[in-house]
């Protein structure tokens, strides 16, 4: 071994050690930066989720207040009207809102404390989405209770054109009692 090689050997070891230490330090820094970015992203998502939770709580409180107000209004109105009037009022509301091409209703029936009226709405060539919204509205109507017993979709021919005929059969139901 030459004198040059013996003089440089400790420097090589120091250089390799320093390079290895530099690589470990650099990898630790990169890892720390990635972890920091991930934590910042998680923090941002948590802040957004908390803000959403506040909005959900506010919406829930608003919904509860609105339902309570509607319940009070309905009870005050129901105490002053007869069951027949509530049912006919509901049919009139449905006719005005849904605008069926044909409306058929039966006579009011009484079964114990319940008062009900059968209805049938017919729609010629409706928009399918609007028809689904109509059925959903009928199912979701609470006071007086509106139920859907049957939905029929048929194809009819009118003036040489094929058209869609959709009908919804159900009943409007309320109680004889003064308060729902």
Protein backbone atom coordinates (compact mmCIF):
# COMPACT_ATOMS: atom_id res chain seq x y z
CA UNK A 1 0.00 0.00 0.00
CA UNK A 2 1.30 3.38 -0.85
CA UNK A 3 1.67 6.24 1.49
CA UNK A 4 -1.01 8.10 -0.39
CA UNK A 5 -3.53 5.31 0.16
CA UNK A 6 -2.72 5.07 3.87
CA UNK A 7 -3.12 8.82 4.29
CA UNK A 8 -6.46 8.85 2.47
CA UNK A 9 -7.98 5.74 4.10
CA UNK A 10 -9.16 7.56 7.25
CA UNK A 11 -10.64 10.29 5.08
CA UNK A 12 -12.52 7.68 3.03
CA UNK A 13 -13.97 6.20 6.20
CA UNK A 14 -14.94 9.63 7.47
CA UNK A 15 -16.46 10.49 4.11
CA UNK A 16 -18.47 7.24 3.98
CA UNK A 17 -19.59 7.78 7.55
CA UNK A 18 -20.54 11.41 6.80
CA UNK A 19 -22.36 10.37 3.59
CA UNK A 20 -24.26 7.66 5.43
CA UNK A 21 -25.12 10.08 8.24
CA UNK A 22 -26.24 12.65 5.62
CA UNK A 23 -28.46 10.06 3.88
CA UNK A 24 -30.05 8.96 7.14
CA UNK A 25 -30.63 12.60 8.14
CA UNK A 26 -32.07 13.44 4.71
CA UNK A 27 -34.41 10.43 4.80
CA UNK A 28 -35.52 11.38 8.31
CA UNK A 29 -36.22 14.94 7.13
CA UNK A 30 -38.19 13.72 4.10
CA UNK A 31 -40.14 11.35 6.31
CA UNK A 32 -40.83 14.13 8.79
CA UNK A 33 -42.01 16.47 5.99
CA UNK A 34 -44.37 13.78 4.65
CA UNK A 35 -45.72 13.14 8.13
CA UNK A 36 -46.22 16.85 8.67
CA UNK A 37 -48.11 17.23 5.38
CA UNK A 38 -50.27 14.22 6.24
CA UNK A 39 -51.00 15.66 9.69
CA UNK A 40 -51.86 19.05 8.16
CA UNK A 41 -54.21 17.36 5.70
CA UNK A 42 -55.81 15.35 8.51
CA UNK A 43 -56.14 18.51 10.59
CA UNK A 44 -57.82 20.35 7.71
CA UNK A 45 -60.25 17.46 7.22
CA UNK A 46 -61.00 17.41 10.94
CA UNK A 47 -61.69 21.15 10.95
CA UNK A 48 -63.97 20.74 7.93
CA UNK A 49 -65.75 17.80 9.59
CA UNK A 50 -66.28 19.79 12.79
CA UNK A 51 -67.73 22.67 10.77
CA UNK A 52 -70.00 20.19 9.00
CA UNK A 53 -71.06 18.73 12.34
CA UNK A 54 -72.03 22.20 13.54
CA UNK A 55 -74.08 22.73 10.37
CA UNK A 56 -75.75 19.34 10.81
CA UNK A 57 -76.61 20.14 14.43
CA UNK A 58 -78.02 23.51 13.42
CA UNK A 59 -80.05 21.92 10.62
CA UNK A 60 -81.35 19.28 13.03
CA UNK A 61 -82.37 21.93 15.55
CA UNK A 62 -84.04 23.96 12.81
CA UNK A 63 -85.87 20.86 11.59
CA UNK A 64 -87.05 19.99 15.11
CA UNK A 65 -88.27 23.55 15.69
CA UNK A 66 -90.07 23.59 12.35
CA UNK A 67 -91.68 20.20 13.00
CA UNK A 68 -92.80 21.32 16.45
CA UNK A 69 -94.27 24.51 15.01
CA UNK A 70 -96.06 22.57 12.26
CA UNK A 71 -97.34 20.05 14.78
CA UNK A 72 -98.77 22.84 16.93
CA UNK A 73 -100.35 24.50 13.90
CA UNK A 74 -101.82 21.20 12.70
CA UNK A 75 -103.25 20.39 16.10
CA UNK A 76 -104.87 23.79 16.42
CA UNK A 77 -106.32 23.50 12.92
CA UNK A 78 -107.41 19.88 13.41
CA UNK A 79 -109.32 20.73 16.57
CA UNK A 80 -111.55 23.10 14.62
CA UNK A 81 -112.27 20.98 11.55
CA UNK A 82 -114.14 17.75 10.95
CA UNK A 83 -112.48 14.60 9.62
CA UNK A 84 -114.37 14.94 6.31
CA UNK A 85 -113.17 18.50 5.87
CA UNK A 86 -109.55 17.48 6.54
CA UNK A 87 -109.80 14.66 3.97
CA UNK A 88 -111.46 16.79 1.29
CA UNK A 89 -108.92 19.55 1.99
CA UNK A 90 -106.09 17.04 1.48
CA UNK A 91 -107.61 15.79 -1.80
CA UNK A 92 -107.95 19.40 -2.97
CA UNK A 93 -104.32 20.09 -2.00
CA UNK A 94 -103.14 16.97 -3.87
CA UNK A 95 -105.20 17.87 -6.94
CA UNK A 96 -103.77 21.40 -6.97
CA UNK A 97 -100.17 20.31 -6.36
CA UNK A 98 -99.97 17.21 -8.56
CA UNK A 99 -102.27 18.33 -11.40
CA UNK A 100 -103.39 14.85 -12.51
CA UNK A 101 -105.06 14.36 -15.88
CA UNK A 102 -107.82 12.42 -14.18
CA UNK A 103 -108.93 12.24 -10.53
CA UNK A 104 -111.39 9.71 -9.14
CA UNK A 105 -112.48 9.58 -5.51
CA UNK A 106 -114.87 7.32 -3.63
CA UNK A 107 -117.33 8.14 -0.91
CA UNK A 108 -115.97 8.63 2.59
CA UNK A 109 -115.94 5.44 4.65
CA UNK A 110 -115.89 5.10 8.42
CA UNK A 111 -114.19 2.20 10.16
CA UNK A 112 -114.23 2.66 13.92
CA UNK A 113 -112.39 5.91 14.70
CA UNK A 114 -110.87 6.04 11.23
CA UNK A 115 -112.28 8.00 8.32
CA UNK A 116 -110.91 7.24 4.87
CA UNK A 117 -111.41 8.08 1.23
CA UNK A 118 -110.09 6.08 -1.74
CA UNK A 119 -108.48 8.06 -4.56
CA UNK A 120 -107.07 7.37 -8.01
CA UNK A 121 -104.84 9.78 -9.93
CA UNK A 122 -104.11 9.21 -13.62
CA UNK A 123 -101.28 10.88 -15.52
CA UNK A 124 -100.96 10.66 -19.31
CA UNK A 125 -97.39 10.70 -20.69
CA UNK A 126 -95.74 12.04 -17.52
CA UNK A 127 -92.09 12.79 -17.00
CA UNK A 128 -90.84 9.65 -15.23
CA UNK A 129 -88.85 11.63 -12.64
CA UNK A 130 -91.87 13.82 -11.86
CA UNK A 131 -94.03 10.72 -11.54
CA UNK A 132 -91.61 9.16 -9.03
CA UNK A 133 -91.57 12.44 -7.09
CA UNK A 134 -95.40 12.36 -7.07
CA UNK A 135 -95.46 8.85 -5.60
CA UNK A 136 -92.80 9.85 -3.07
CA UNK A 137 -94.81 12.93 -2.07
CA UNK A 138 -97.95 10.85 -1.62
CA UNK A 139 -96.09 8.31 0.53
CA UNK A 140 -94.49 11.04 2.63
CA UNK A 141 -97.66 13.00 3.28
CA UNK A 142 -98.47 12.68 6.97
CA UNK A 143 -101.51 14.73 7.96
CA UNK A 144 -104.00 13.43 6.98
CA UNK A 145 -102.17 10.23 6.19
CA UNK A 146 -101.93 9.50 2.47
CA UNK A 147 -101.03 5.98 1.41
CA UNK A 148 -100.32 4.49 -2.00
CA UNK A 149 -101.90 1.07 -2.53
CA UNK A 150 -101.03 0.51 -6.18
CA UNK A 151 -99.07 2.08 -9.02
CA UNK A 152 -99.80 1.04 -12.59
CA UNK A 153 -97.89 2.03 -15.71
CA UNK A 154 -99.45 1.00 -19.01
CA UNK A 155 -99.03 1.89 -22.65
CA UNK A 156 -102.13 3.26 -24.39
CA UNK A 157 -102.76 4.28 -27.96
CA UNK A 158 -104.40 7.64 -28.63
CA UNK A 159 -104.74 8.98 -32.15
CA UNK A 160 -102.23 6.51 -33.55
CA UNK A 161 -99.60 7.54 -30.98
CA UNK A 162 -98.42 5.31 -28.20
CA UNK A 163 -98.51 7.07 -24.87
CA UNK A 164 -97.72 6.13 -21.30
CA UNK A 165 -100.53 6.06 -18.77
CA UNK A 166 -99.57 6.08 -15.09
CA UNK A 167 -102.09 5.70 -12.33
CA UNK A 168 -101.75 5.83 -8.57
CA UNK A 169 -104.40 4.33 -6.29
CA UNK A 170 -104.47 4.85 -2.57
CA UNK A 171 -106.37 6.34 0.31
CA UNK A 172 -106.42 9.39 2.55
CA UNK A 173 -106.87 8.41 6.17
CA UNK A 174 -107.55 10.45 9.29
CA UNK A 175 -109.07 9.97 12.72
CA UNK A 176 -112.43 11.04 14.13
CA UNK A 177 -110.62 12.24 17.23
CA UNK A 178 -110.12 15.97 17.60
CA UNK A 179 -106.32 15.79 17.73
CA UNK A 180 -104.26 13.71 15.31
